[in-house]
Amino acid sequence: MEANSGLIGPNAIIQVRLALEALQGTLLSERVFAKAALVRHLVRSPQRPVPEREVQQLHIALRQTLGEARAEAVAREAGLRTARYLLANRIPGTAQALLRRLPARLALPMLLRAMQGQAWTFAGSGRFDSRMVWRGPTLAVLSIRDNPLCRGLHLAGPACAYYAATFEHLMRTLVHPHCVVLETACEAMGAPSCRFEVRLPAGTGP
């Protein structure tokens, strides 16, 4: 699958459904998927990449149905579940073992290169970039420009809890157990790109 294909991996829908059912119940999950015109994905989970527009519709329906706070909680849970799925099914155990043995300064750039190669699976036609920083508590900065989840949105707060949670769990599992990923800018708030900082709390060391 090529980058900029306008498709996103099916977990962006499957894990939202599972998170919704776990946190809000089946009936509310059905309401959200109906509002997003995606009931067919409740009947049968997608097995192949889905149009990024469907993922965008689902996250919009989350906010409209649940409100910002509950929608963010569901998105974070879905992101966590996505990361767990990737660790269990997509990232080879040998690669995970290697990254865990390496110091963070070596493991993080290796993980970021792997993420770059698979960026279409979560960013669709958006452009994912990453750069190492190692300044203060900030280890790296990740960004998504033309983020499909933020197109057309105008919000007072950041809209990418799903991404932040996915990135954070991968970092904590493969780079350092105390990694934190914070969204520090968001296209839905008027920023030129959605920006995520990978940080380590003071005193934890890389």
C-alpha atoms as a PDB file:
ATOM      1  CA  MET A   1       0.000   0.000   0.000  1.00  0.00           C
ATOM      2  CA  GLU A   2       1.437   3.377  -0.979  1.00  0.00           C
ATOM      3  CA  ALA A   3       1.611   6.472   1.139  1.00  0.00           C
ATOM      4  CA  ASN A   4      -0.995   9.186   0.528  1.00  0.00           C
ATOM      5  CA  SER A   5      -3.486   6.528  -0.569  1.00  0.00           C
ATOM      6  CA  GLY A   6      -6.342   8.092   1.394  1.00  0.00           C
ATOM      7  CA  LEU A   7      -6.794   4.810   3.283  1.00  0.00           C
ATOM      8  CA  ILE A   8      -6.254   4.071   6.977  1.00  0.00           C
ATOM      9  CA  GLY A   9      -5.813   0.716   8.697  1.00  0.00           C
ATOM     10  CA  PRO A  10      -9.055  -0.909   9.915  1.00  0.00           C
ATOM     11  CA  ASN A  11      -8.032  -0.682  13.580  1.00  0.00           C
ATOM     12  CA  ALA A  12      -8.908   3.012  13.457  1.00  0.00           C
ATOM     13  CA  ILE A  13     -12.527   1.823  13.327  1.00  0.00           C
ATOM     14  CA  ILE A  14     -12.386  -1.574  15.050  1.00  0.00           C
ATOM     15  CA  GLN A  15     -10.703  -0.292  18.201  1.00  0.00           C
ATOM     16  CA  VAL A  16     -13.051   2.703  18.477  1.00  0.00           C
ATOM     17  CA  ARG A  17     -15.970   0.273  18.474  1.00  0.00           C
ATOM     18  CA  LEU A  18     -14.363  -1.880  21.164  1.00  0.00           C
ATOM     19  CA  ALA A  19     -13.506   1.157  23.267  1.00  0.00           C
ATOM     20  CA  LEU A  20     -17.021   2.540  22.897  1.00  0.00           C
ATOM     21  CA  GLU A  21     -18.597  -0.729  23.966  1.00  0.00           C
ATOM     22  CA  ALA A  22     -16.242  -1.038  26.941  1.00  0.00           C
ATOM     23  CA  LEU A  23     -16.670   2.530  28.201  1.00  0.00           C
ATOM     24  CA  GLN A  24     -20.183   3.508  27.049  1.00  0.00           C
ATOM     25  CA  GLY A  25     -22.045   0.291  26.265  1.00  0.00           C
ATOM     26  CA  THR A  26     -23.430  -1.339  23.145  1.00  0.00           C
ATOM     27  CA  LEU A  27     -26.465   0.914  22.696  1.00  0.00           C
ATOM     28  CA  LEU A  28     -24.429   4.097  22.669  1.00  0.00           C
ATOM     29  CA  SER A  29     -21.916   2.481  20.342  1.00  0.00           C
ATOM     30  CA  GLU A  30     -24.746   1.749  17.922  1.00  0.00           C
ATOM     31  CA  ARG A  31     -25.895   5.386  18.125  1.00  0.00           C
ATOM     32  CA  VAL A  32     -22.433   6.692  17.314  1.00  0.00           C
ATOM     33  CA  PHE A  33     -21.927   4.346  14.365  1.00  0.00           C
ATOM     34  CA  ALA A  34     -25.400   5.132  13.057  1.00  0.00           C
ATOM     35  CA  LYS A  35     -24.694   8.863  13.230  1.00  0.00           C
ATOM     36  CA  ALA A  36     -21.464   8.263  11.306  1.00  0.00           C
ATOM     37  CA  ALA A  37     -23.376   6.170   8.698  1.00  0.00           C
ATOM     38  CA  LEU A  38     -21.072   3.241   9.471  1.00  0.00           C
ATOM     39  CA  VAL A  39     -23.464   0.654  10.904  1.00  0.00           C
ATOM     40  CA  ARG A  40     -22.126  -1.895   8.422  1.00  0.00           C
ATOM     41  CA  HIS A  41     -18.869  -1.892  10.391  1.00  0.00           C
ATOM     42  CA  LEU A  42     -20.794  -2.976  13.475  1.00  0.00           C
ATOM     43  CA  VAL A  43     -22.340  -5.863  11.576  1.00  0.00           C
ATOM     44  CA  ARG A  44     -18.956  -6.944  10.232  1.00  0.00           C
ATOM     45  CA  SER A  45     -15.647  -5.434  11.301  1.00  0.00           C
ATOM     46  CA  PRO A  46     -13.553  -4.169   8.385  1.00  0.00           C
ATOM     47  CA  GLN A  47     -10.743  -6.505   7.415  1.00  0.00           C
ATOM     48  CA  ARG A  48      -8.965  -4.181   5.005  1.00  0.00           C
ATOM     49  CA  PRO A  49      -7.904  -0.514   5.019  1.00  0.00           C
ATOM     50  CA  VAL A  50     -10.840   1.891   5.073  1.00  0.00           C
ATOM     51  CA  PRO A  51     -11.296   5.328   3.466  1.00  0.00           C
ATOM     52  CA  GLU A  52      -9.942   7.987   5.779  1.00  0.00           C
ATOM     53  CA  ARG A  53     -13.226   9.853   5.441  1.00  0.00           C
ATOM     54  CA  GLU A  54     -14.951   7.037   7.342  1.00  0.00           C
ATOM     55  CA  VAL A  55     -12.528   7.402  10.238  1.00  0.00           C
ATOM     56  CA  GLN A  56     -13.082  11.152  10.257  1.00  0.00           C
ATOM     57  CA  GLN A  57     -16.878  10.651  10.269  1.00  0.00           C
ATOM     58  CA  LEU A  58     -16.597   8.294  13.223  1.00  0.00           C
ATOM     59  CA  HIS A  59     -14.582  10.734  15.339  1.00  0.00           C
ATOM     60  CA  ILE A  60     -16.961  13.576  14.484  1.00  0.00           C
ATOM     61  CA  ALA A  61     -19.905  11.387  15.510  1.00  0.00           C
ATOM     62  CA  LEU A  62     -18.117  10.579  18.772  1.00  0.00           C
ATOM     63  CA  ARG A  63     -17.933  14.256  19.704  1.00  0.00           C
ATOM     64  CA  GLN A  64     -21.447  15.051  18.580  1.00  0.00           C
ATOM     65  CA  THR A  65     -22.937  12.125  20.513  1.00  0.00           C
ATOM     66  CA  LEU A  66     -20.789  12.022  23.653  1.00  0.00           C
ATOM     67  CA  GLY A  67     -19.428  15.535  24.046  1.00  0.00           C
ATOM     68  CA  GLU A  68     -15.751  16.452  24.065  1.00  0.00           C
ATOM     69  CA  ALA A  69     -14.694  14.902  27.386  1.00  0.00           C
ATOM     70  CA  ARG A  70     -16.275  11.472  26.910  1.00  0.00           C
ATOM     71  CA  ALA A  71     -15.277  11.382  23.245  1.00  0.00           C
ATOM     72  CA  GLU A  72     -11.668  12.056  24.223  1.00  0.00           C
ATOM     73  CA  ALA A  73     -11.768   9.241  26.788  1.00  0.00           C
ATOM     74  CA  VAL A  74     -13.050   6.818  24.145  1.00  0.00           C
ATOM     75  CA  ALA A  75     -10.446   8.002  21.631  1.00  0.00           C
ATOM     76  CA  ARG A  76      -7.648   7.508  24.154  1.00  0.00           C
ATOM     77  CA  GLU A  77      -8.877   4.022  25.004  1.00  0.00           C
ATOM     78  CA  ALA A  78      -9.106   3.192  21.304  1.00  0.00           C
ATOM     79  CA  GLY A  79      -5.548   4.443  20.794  1.00  0.00           C
ATOM     80  CA  LEU A  80      -4.305   2.295  23.663  1.00  0.00           C
ATOM     81  CA  ARG A  81      -6.072  -0.742  22.224  1.00  0.00           C
ATOM     82  CA  THR A  82      -4.616  -0.025  18.785  1.00  0.00           C
ATOM     83  CA  ALA A  83      -1.094   0.059  20.201  1.00  0.00           C
ATOM     84  CA  ARG A  84      -1.693  -3.216  22.048  1.00  0.00           C
ATOM     85  CA  TYR A  85      -2.947  -4.794  18.830  1.00  0.00           C
ATOM     86  CA  LEU A  86       0.129  -3.626  16.931  1.00  0.00           C
ATOM     87  CA  LEU A  87       2.416  -5.047  19.603  1.00  0.00           C
ATOM     88  CA  ALA A  88       0.580  -8.366  19.612  1.00  0.00           C
ATOM     89  CA  ASN A  89       0.124  -8.768  15.864  1.00  0.00           C
ATOM     90  CA  ARG A  90       2.191  -6.421  13.733  1.00  0.00           C
ATOM     91  CA  ILE A  91       5.563  -5.767  15.353  1.00  0.00           C
ATOM     92  CA  PRO A  92       7.755  -8.891  15.378  1.00  0.00           C
ATOM     93  CA  GLY A  93       8.728 -10.162  18.804  1.00  0.00           C
ATOM     94  CA  THR A  94      12.419 -10.155  17.882  1.00  0.00           C
ATOM     95  CA  ALA A  95      12.247  -6.470  16.972  1.00  0.00           C
ATOM     96  CA  GLN A  96      10.426  -5.679  20.220  1.00  0.00           C
ATOM     97  CA  ALA A  97      13.011  -7.572  22.260  1.00  0.00           C
ATOM     98  CA  LEU A  98      15.822  -5.661  20.554  1.00  0.00           C
ATOM     99  CA  LEU A  99      14.238  -2.260  21.136  1.00  0.00           C
ATOM    100  CA  ARG A 100      13.588  -3.026  24.808  1.00  0.00           C
ATOM    101  CA  ARG A 101      17.250  -3.943  25.349  1.00  0.00           C
ATOM    102  CA  LEU A 102      18.579  -0.794  23.710  1.00  0.00           C
ATOM    103  CA  PRO A 103      18.962   2.550  25.505  1.00  0.00           C
ATOM    104  CA  ALA A 104      16.259   5.045  24.624  1.00  0.00           C
ATOM    105  CA  ARG A 105      18.685   7.113  22.514  1.00  0.00           C
ATOM    106  CA  LEU A 106      19.030   4.189  20.131  1.00  0.00           C
ATOM    107  CA  ALA A 107      15.585   2.603  20.421  1.00  0.00           C
ATOM    108  CA  LEU A 108      13.601   5.774  19.740  1.00  0.00           C
ATOM    109  CA  PRO A 109      15.067   6.629  16.301  1.00  0.00           C
ATOM    110  CA  MET A 110      14.648   3.003  15.231  1.00  0.00           C
ATOM    111  CA  LEU A 111      10.990   3.025  16.266  1.00  0.00           C
ATOM    112  CA  LEU A 112      10.390   6.352  14.539  1.00  0.00           C
ATOM    113  CA  ARG A 113      11.854   5.041  11.283  1.00  0.00           C
ATOM    114  CA  ALA A 114       9.510   2.055  11.463  1.00  0.00           C
ATOM    115  CA  MET A 115       6.553   4.368  12.118  1.00  0.00           C
ATOM    116  CA  GLN A 116       7.537   6.528   9.168  1.00  0.00           C
ATOM    117  CA  GLY A 117       7.450   3.497   6.894  1.00  0.00           C
ATOM    118  CA  GLN A 118       3.936   2.597   8.008  1.00  0.00           C
ATOM    119  CA  ALA A 119       2.586   6.131   8.408  1.00  0.00           C
ATOM    120  CA  TRP A 120      -0.201   5.663   5.825  1.00  0.00           C
ATOM    121  CA  THR A 121      -1.845   3.126   8.178  1.00  0.00           C
ATOM    122  CA  PHE A 122      -2.676   5.880  10.676  1.00  0.00           C
ATOM    123  CA  ALA A 123      -2.223   9.172   8.800  1.00  0.00           C
ATOM    124  CA  GLY A 124      -3.788   8.211   5.477  1.00  0.00           C
ATOM    125  CA  SER A 125      -3.068  10.947   2.939  1.00  0.00           C
ATOM    126  CA  GLY A 126      -1.682  13.192   5.672  1.00  0.00           C
ATOM    127  CA  ARG A 127       2.079  13.657   6.020  1.00  0.00           C
ATOM    128  CA  PHE A 128       3.766  12.194   9.078  1.00  0.00           C
ATOM    129  CA  ASP A 129       7.174  13.500  10.112  1.00  0.00           C
ATOM    130  CA  SER A 130       9.412  12.995  13.116  1.00  0.00           C
ATOM    131  CA  ARG A 131      12.648  14.482  14.389  1.00  0.00           C
ATOM    132  CA  MET A 132      14.867  13.822  17.357  1.00  0.00           C
ATOM    133  CA  VAL A 133      15.293  16.723  19.798  1.00  0.00           C
ATOM    134  CA  TRP A 134      16.899  15.571  23.082  1.00  0.00           C
ATOM    135  CA  ARG A 135      16.442  18.991  24.667  1.00  0.00           C
ATOM    136  CA  GLY A 136      15.247  19.171  28.249  1.00  0.00           C
ATOM    137  CA  PRO A 137      12.463  16.647  28.805  1.00  0.00           C
ATOM    138  CA  THR A 138      11.625  16.464  25.076  1.00  0.00           C
ATOM    139  CA  LEU A 139      13.124  13.501  23.228  1.00  0.00           C
ATOM    140  CA  ALA A 140      11.406  13.869  19.844  1.00  0.00           C
ATOM    141  CA  VAL A 141       8.687  15.756  18.001  1.00  0.00           C
ATOM    142  CA  LEU A 142       6.159  13.992  15.777  1.00  0.00           C
ATOM    143  CA  SER A 143       3.786  15.793  13.435  1.00  0.00           C
ATOM    144  CA  ILE A 144       0.934  15.081  11.057  1.00  0.00           C
ATOM    145  CA  ARG A 145       0.228  17.708   8.412  1.00  0.00           C
ATOM    146  CA  ASP A 146      -3.142  17.681   6.620  1.00  0.00           C
ATOM    147  CA  ASN A 147      -4.369  15.321   9.321  1.00  0.00           C
ATOM    148  CA  PRO A 148      -7.503  13.577   7.979  1.00  0.00           C
ATOM    149  CA  LEU A 149      -9.081  13.483  11.457  1.00  0.00           C
ATOM    150  CA  CYS A 150      -8.905  17.275  11.722  1.00  0.00           C
ATOM    151  CA  ARG A 151     -10.012  18.406   8.278  1.00  0.00           C
ATOM    152  CA  GLY A 152     -12.797  20.933   8.506  1.00  0.00           C
ATOM    153  CA  LEU A 153     -12.767  20.980  12.317  1.00  0.00           C
ATOM    154  CA  HIS A 154     -12.610  24.144  14.405  1.00  0.00           C
ATOM    155  CA  LEU A 155     -12.260  23.226  18.066  1.00  0.00           C
ATOM    156  CA  ALA A 156     -11.174  24.908  21.283  1.00  0.00           C
ATOM    157  CA  GLY A 157      -8.936  21.983  22.255  1.00  0.00           C
ATOM    158  CA  PRO A 158      -6.751  19.350  20.580  1.00  0.00           C
ATOM    159  CA  ALA A 159      -8.549  16.593  18.653  1.00  0.00           C
ATOM    160  CA  CYS A 160      -5.929  13.850  18.428  1.00  0.00           C
ATOM    161  CA  ALA A 161      -6.204  11.851  21.653  1.00  0.00           C
ATOM    162  CA  TYR A 162      -6.367   8.676  19.552  1.00  0.00           C
ATOM    163  CA  TYR A 163      -2.939   9.330  18.040  1.00  0.00           C
ATOM    164  CA  ALA A 164      -1.381  10.541  21.292  1.00  0.00           C
ATOM    165  CA  ALA A 165      -2.480   7.403  23.166  1.00  0.00           C
ATOM    166  CA  THR A 166      -1.282   5.069  20.411  1.00  0.00           C
ATOM    167  CA  PHE A 167       2.110   6.754  20.198  1.00  0.00           C
ATOM    168  CA  GLU A 168       2.495   6.899  23.971  1.00  0.00           C
ATOM    169  CA  HIS A 169       1.851   3.208  24.583  1.00  0.00           C
ATOM    170  CA  LEU A 170       4.275   2.213  21.827  1.00  0.00           C
ATOM    171  CA  MET A 171       6.929   4.510  23.306  1.00  0.00           C
ATOM    172  CA  ARG A 172       6.379   3.236  26.841  1.00  0.00           C
ATOM    173  CA  THR A 173       6.572  -0.370  25.741  1.00  0.00           C
ATOM    174  CA  LEU A 174       9.484  -0.173  23.310  1.00  0.00           C
ATOM    175  CA  VAL A 175      11.539   2.894  24.295  1.00  0.00           C
ATOM    176  CA  HIS A 176      11.144   3.828  27.981  1.00  0.00           C
ATOM    177  CA  PRO A 177       8.385   2.973  30.484  1.00  0.00           C
ATOM    178  CA  HIS A 178       8.031   6.610  31.569  1.00  0.00           C
ATOM    179  CA  CYS A 179       7.583   8.165  28.118  1.00  0.00           C
ATOM    180  CA  VAL A 180       4.756  10.675  27.823  1.00  0.00           C
ATOM    181  CA  VAL A 181       3.308  11.902  24.521  1.00  0.00           C
ATOM    182  CA  LEU A 182       1.588  15.285  24.579  1.00  0.00           C
ATOM    183  CA  GLU A 183      -0.214  16.977  21.708  1.00  0.00           C
ATOM    184  CA  THR A 184       1.126  20.526  21.779  1.00  0.00           C
ATOM    185  CA  ALA A 185      -0.517  21.863  18.596  1.00  0.00           C
ATOM    186  CA  CYS A 186      -3.513  20.786  16.539  1.00  0.00           C
ATOM    187  CA  GLU A 187      -4.831  21.642  13.100  1.00  0.00           C
ATOM    188  CA  ALA A 188      -8.346  21.636  14.541  1.00  0.00           C
ATOM    189  CA  MET A 189      -7.252  24.664  16.609  1.00  0.00           C
ATOM    190  CA  GLY A 190      -5.723  26.457  13.623  1.00  0.00           C
ATOM    191  CA  ALA A 191      -2.141  25.149  13.835  1.00  0.00           C
ATOM    192  CA  PRO A 192      -0.293  24.299  10.597  1.00  0.00           C
ATOM    193  CA  SER A 193       0.093  20.684  11.748  1.00  0.00           C
ATOM    194  CA  CYS A 194      -0.763  18.391  14.624  1.00  0.00           C
ATOM    195  CA  ARG A 195       2.346  18.210  16.805  1.00  0.00           C
ATOM    196  CA  PHE A 196       3.182  15.606  19.441  1.00  0.00           C
ATOM    197  CA  GLU A 197       6.115  15.821  21.847  1.00  0.00           C
ATOM    198  CA  VAL A 198       7.685  12.651  23.238  1.00  0.00           C
ATOM    199  CA  ARG A 199       8.922  13.493  26.735  1.00  0.00           C
ATOM    200  CA  LEU A 200      10.568  11.896  29.739  1.00  0.00           C
ATOM    201  CA  PRO A 201       9.820  13.318  33.192  1.00  0.00           C
ATOM    202  CA  ALA A 202      12.733  14.979  34.946  1.00  0.00           C
ATOM    203  CA  GLY A 203      14.986  12.535  36.731  1.00  0.00           C
ATOM    204  CA  THR A 204      14.036   9.448  34.722  1.00  0.00           C
ATOM    205  CA  GLY A 205      16.924   9.760  32.261  1.00  0.00           C
ATOM    206  CA  PRO A 206      17.119   8.317  28.719  1.00  0.00           C
END
